[in-house]
Amino acid sequence: MKANPACCAVVLGLIACGCATHRSIELDAQHPAVRVTTREVLFADRPVSPHEVAAILEDHDVPHDRVIHILLDPDVKDLRPARFLMATLAKAGYTRPVLVTKRHAESRNLGKVRRSVPRQAPAPRKSIRYRKANE
C-alpha cells in the first residue's frame, strides 16, 4: 500500500511546525483567569507578575474594552497587589478590570424570635384638622 505524498507532506509539516492550536481563555465571572492571593498573582493557576498578565491578554487577542474579572481570595486583606495589577492593566489599555470575590450565602430557620422586652405601644399622634374650602 502506497502512502499519498500530499498526506505525508501535511503530516510532516504539522510535526515540523508543531500544532497551531490557539488556547482560549475564559474571562467571565464564573471562571476568572486572573487570581490574586496573599502571596502572588496567578493566571490560569500559574504564578505570573502583574506585567505579564497584560502581555498574556494581548497574546490571546483579548479586546481592550472587555471586562476582566480578577478573583480575590477570601483571605486577602491588603488590596495593594490587586490595585497595582489593575493599574498595570490600565496602562496597557484595558479599561474594564473588575475585582470579584467568591460569594457565599446561607440561611437558617431560627424559628420564632422571642423578645425579652415587650413592645410598647407608639405614642398617640396629635391629629391636624384642615379647614374645608367653604368654612
C-alpha atoms as a PDB file:
ATOM      1  CA  MET A   1       0.000   0.000   0.000  1.00  0.00           C
ATOM      2  CA  LYS A   2       1.485   3.344  -1.075  1.00  0.00           C
ATOM      3  CA  ALA A   3       1.177   6.472   1.023  1.00  0.00           C
ATOM      4  CA  ASN A   4      -0.312   9.557  -0.529  1.00  0.00           C
ATOM      5  CA  PRO A   5       2.509  12.145  -0.951  1.00  0.00           C
ATOM      6  CA  ALA A   6       0.200  15.083  -0.193  1.00  0.00           C
ATOM      7  CA  CYS A   7      -0.972  13.488   3.051  1.00  0.00           C
ATOM      8  CA  CYS A   8       2.605  12.753   4.088  1.00  0.00           C
ATOM      9  CA  ALA A   9       3.589  16.370   3.396  1.00  0.00           C
ATOM     10  CA  VAL A  10       0.770  17.673   5.599  1.00  0.00           C
ATOM     11  CA  VAL A  11       1.668  15.315   8.449  1.00  0.00           C
ATOM     12  CA  LEU A  12       5.381  16.176   8.207  1.00  0.00           C
ATOM     13  CA  GLY A  13       4.529  19.874   8.111  1.00  0.00           C
ATOM     14  CA  LEU A  14       2.467  19.577  11.303  1.00  0.00           C
ATOM     15  CA  ILE A  15       5.221  17.639  13.033  1.00  0.00           C
ATOM     16  CA  ALA A  16       7.925  20.102  11.956  1.00  0.00           C
ATOM     17  CA  CYS A  17       5.965  23.246  12.831  1.00  0.00           C
ATOM     18  CA  GLY A  18       4.063  21.936  15.804  1.00  0.00           C
ATOM     19  CA  CYS A  19       0.350  22.079  16.199  1.00  0.00           C
ATOM     20  CA  ALA A  20      -1.062  25.538  15.691  1.00  0.00           C
ATOM     21  CA  THR A  21      -3.689  25.331  18.403  1.00  0.00           C
ATOM     22  CA  HIS A  22      -4.835  28.566  19.952  1.00  0.00           C
ATOM     23  CA  ARG A  23      -5.745  28.066  23.589  1.00  0.00           C
ATOM     24  CA  SER A  24      -8.685  30.186  24.560  1.00  0.00           C
ATOM     25  CA  ILE A  25      -9.097  31.693  27.994  1.00  0.00           C
ATOM     26  CA  GLU A  26     -12.306  32.344  29.872  1.00  0.00           C
ATOM     27  CA  LEU A  27     -12.667  35.774  31.404  1.00  0.00           C
ATOM     28  CA  ASP A  28     -16.162  35.638  32.858  1.00  0.00           C
ATOM     29  CA  ALA A  29     -17.186  35.985  36.485  1.00  0.00           C
ATOM     30  CA  GLN A  30     -17.798  32.250  36.870  1.00  0.00           C
ATOM     31  CA  HIS A  31     -14.287  31.301  35.666  1.00  0.00           C
ATOM     32  CA  PRO A  32     -11.902  34.240  36.218  1.00  0.00           C
ATOM     33  CA  ALA A  33      -8.488  33.548  34.724  1.00  0.00           C
ATOM     34  CA  VAL A  34      -6.668  36.070  36.942  1.00  0.00           C
ATOM     35  CA  ARG A  35      -6.483  35.424  40.685  1.00  0.00           C
ATOM     36  CA  VAL A  36      -4.836  37.434  43.466  1.00  0.00           C
ATOM     37  CA  THR A  37      -3.723  35.550  46.583  1.00  0.00           C
ATOM     38  CA  THR A  38      -1.940  36.848  49.666  1.00  0.00           C
ATOM     39  CA  ARG A  39       1.428  35.906  48.151  1.00  0.00           C
ATOM     40  CA  GLU A  40       1.148  36.159  44.348  1.00  0.00           C
ATOM     41  CA  VAL A  41      -0.831  36.831  41.201  1.00  0.00           C
ATOM     42  CA  LEU A  42      -1.965  33.733  39.307  1.00  0.00           C
ATOM     43  CA  PHE A  43      -3.019  33.485  35.667  1.00  0.00           C
ATOM     44  CA  ALA A  44      -4.718  30.160  34.916  1.00  0.00           C
ATOM     45  CA  ASP A  45      -3.250  28.818  38.204  1.00  0.00           C
ATOM     46  CA  ARG A  46       0.295  29.730  37.129  1.00  0.00           C
ATOM     47  CA  PRO A  47       2.251  32.390  39.094  1.00  0.00           C
ATOM     48  CA  VAL A  48       2.946  35.487  36.987  1.00  0.00           C
ATOM     49  CA  SER A  49       3.928  39.100  37.548  1.00  0.00           C
ATOM     50  CA  PRO A  50       1.294  41.818  37.005  1.00  0.00           C
ATOM     51  CA  HIS A  51       3.156  42.996  33.894  1.00  0.00           C
ATOM     52  CA  GLU A  52       2.910  39.509  32.385  1.00  0.00           C
ATOM     53  CA  VAL A  53      -0.904  39.482  32.748  1.00  0.00           C
ATOM     54  CA  ALA A  54      -1.266  42.343  30.261  1.00  0.00           C
ATOM     55  CA  ALA A  55       1.137  40.634  27.844  1.00  0.00           C
ATOM     56  CA  ILE A  56      -0.746  37.336  28.096  1.00  0.00           C
ATOM     57  CA  LEU A  57      -4.064  39.077  27.415  1.00  0.00           C
ATOM     58  CA  GLU A  58      -2.560  40.773  24.366  1.00  0.00           C
ATOM     59  CA  ASP A  59      -1.160  37.422  23.137  1.00  0.00           C
ATOM     60  CA  HIS A  60      -4.665  35.941  23.341  1.00  0.00           C
ATOM     61  CA  ASP A  61      -6.136  38.918  21.418  1.00  0.00           C
ATOM     62  CA  VAL A  62      -8.434  39.980  24.254  1.00  0.00           C
ATOM     63  CA  PRO A  63     -10.160  43.265  23.301  1.00  0.00           C
ATOM     64  CA  HIS A  64      -9.229  46.259  25.456  1.00  0.00           C
ATOM     65  CA  ASP A  65     -12.875  47.048  26.279  1.00  0.00           C
ATOM     66  CA  ARG A  66     -13.563  43.529  27.590  1.00  0.00           C
ATOM     67  CA  VAL A  67     -14.405  43.064  31.290  1.00  0.00           C
ATOM     68  CA  ILE A  68     -11.538  41.256  33.022  1.00  0.00           C
ATOM     69  CA  HIS A  69     -12.585  39.629  36.292  1.00  0.00           C
ATOM     70  CA  ILE A  70      -9.835  39.443  38.921  1.00  0.00           C
ATOM     71  CA  LEU A  71     -10.679  36.956  41.668  1.00  0.00           C
ATOM     72  CA  LEU A  72      -9.608  37.890  45.191  1.00  0.00           C
ATOM     73  CA  ASP A  73      -9.037  35.022  47.591  1.00  0.00           C
ATOM     74  CA  PRO A  74     -11.146  35.275  50.775  1.00  0.00           C
ATOM     75  CA  ASP A  75      -8.071  35.769  52.985  1.00  0.00           C
ATOM     76  CA  VAL A  76      -6.763  38.782  51.010  1.00  0.00           C
ATOM     77  CA  LYS A  77      -6.929  41.851  53.249  1.00  0.00           C
ATOM     78  CA  ASP A  78      -4.295  44.043  51.563  1.00  0.00           C
ATOM     79  CA  LEU A  79      -5.608  45.290  48.213  1.00  0.00           C
ATOM     80  CA  ARG A  80      -2.334  46.892  47.060  1.00  0.00           C
ATOM     81  CA  PRO A  81      -1.302  43.983  44.771  1.00  0.00           C
ATOM     82  CA  ALA A  82      -4.766  43.943  43.184  1.00  0.00           C
ATOM     83  CA  ARG A  83      -4.731  47.717  42.694  1.00  0.00           C
ATOM     84  CA  PHE A  84      -1.250  47.506  41.162  1.00  0.00           C
ATOM     85  CA  LEU A  85      -2.491  44.807  38.784  1.00  0.00           C
ATOM     86  CA  MET A  86      -5.453  46.984  37.813  1.00  0.00           C
ATOM     87  CA  ALA A  87      -3.131  49.968  37.227  1.00  0.00           C
ATOM     88  CA  THR A  88      -0.861  47.813  35.070  1.00  0.00           C
ATOM     89  CA  LEU A  89      -3.834  46.667  33.002  1.00  0.00           C
ATOM     90  CA  ALA A  90      -4.991  50.283  32.652  1.00  0.00           C
ATOM     91  CA  LYS A  91      -1.546  51.326  31.388  1.00  0.00           C
ATOM     92  CA  ALA A  92      -1.756  48.519  28.817  1.00  0.00           C
ATOM     93  CA  GLY A  93      -5.117  49.894  27.636  1.00  0.00           C
ATOM     94  CA  TYR A  94      -7.545  47.526  29.378  1.00  0.00           C
ATOM     95  CA  THR A  95     -10.307  49.781  30.662  1.00  0.00           C
ATOM     96  CA  ARG A  96     -12.602  47.350  32.499  1.00  0.00           C
ATOM     97  CA  PRO A  97     -10.831  45.232  35.138  1.00  0.00           C
ATOM     98  CA  VAL A  98     -13.189  44.219  37.957  1.00  0.00           C
ATOM     99  CA  LEU A  99     -12.357  42.738  41.363  1.00  0.00           C
ATOM    100  CA  VAL A 100     -14.627  39.837  42.321  1.00  0.00           C
ATOM    101  CA  THR A 101     -14.879  37.523  45.308  1.00  0.00           C
ATOM    102  CA  LYS A 102     -16.478  34.148  45.735  1.00  0.00           C
ATOM    103  CA  ARG A 103     -19.957  34.664  47.017  1.00  0.00           C
ATOM    104  CA  HIS A 104     -21.230  32.663  49.935  1.00  0.00           C
ATOM    105  CA  ALA A 105     -24.741  32.744  51.281  1.00  0.00           C
ATOM    106  CA  GLU A 106     -26.524  30.623  53.810  1.00  0.00           C
ATOM    107  CA  SER A 107     -29.860  30.718  55.532  1.00  0.00           C
ATOM    108  CA  ARG A 108     -31.156  29.186  58.723  1.00  0.00           C
ATOM    109  CA  ASN A 109     -34.602  28.813  60.157  1.00  0.00           C
ATOM    110  CA  LEU A 110     -34.324  30.148  63.659  1.00  0.00           C
ATOM    111  CA  GLY A 111     -37.977  29.786  64.474  1.00  0.00           C
ATOM    112  CA  LYS A 112     -39.982  32.462  66.217  1.00  0.00           C
ATOM    113  CA  VAL A 113     -37.878  35.231  67.686  1.00  0.00           C
ATOM    114  CA  ARG A 114     -38.785  35.985  71.296  1.00  0.00           C
ATOM    115  CA  ARG A 115     -38.378  39.478  72.571  1.00  0.00           C
ATOM    116  CA  SER A 116     -37.112  39.937  76.083  1.00  0.00           C
ATOM    117  CA  VAL A 117     -38.731  43.373  76.418  1.00  0.00           C
ATOM    118  CA  PRO A 118     -42.394  43.691  75.457  1.00  0.00           C
ATOM    119  CA  ARG A 119     -43.084  46.063  72.648  1.00  0.00           C
ATOM    120  CA  GLN A 120     -44.512  49.408  73.745  1.00  0.00           C
ATOM    121  CA  ALA A 121     -47.431  50.991  72.009  1.00  0.00           C
ATOM    122  CA  PRO A 122     -46.494  54.037  69.967  1.00  0.00           C
ATOM    123  CA  ALA A 123     -47.308  57.416  71.441  1.00  0.00           C
ATOM    124  CA  PRO A 124     -50.608  58.837  70.169  1.00  0.00           C
ATOM    125  CA  ARG A 125     -50.189  61.366  67.422  1.00  0.00           C
ATOM    126  CA  LYS A 126     -51.777  64.754  67.514  1.00  0.00           C
ATOM    127  CA  SER A 127     -54.239  64.983  64.675  1.00  0.00           C
ATOM    128  CA  ILE A 128     -54.354  68.023  62.479  1.00  0.00           C
ATOM    129  CA  ARG A 129     -57.673  69.196  61.108  1.00  0.00           C
ATOM    130  CA  TYR A 130     -57.646  71.187  57.926  1.00  0.00           C
ATOM    131  CA  ARG A 131     -60.431  73.646  57.077  1.00  0.00           C
ATOM    132  CA  LYS A 132     -62.618  72.910  54.179  1.00  0.00           C
ATOM    133  CA  ALA A 133     -62.997  75.426  51.393  1.00  0.00           C
ATOM    134  CA  ASN A 134     -66.491  76.513  52.491  1.00  0.00           C
ATOM    135  CA  GLU A 135     -65.651  77.040  56.216  1.00  0.00           C
END
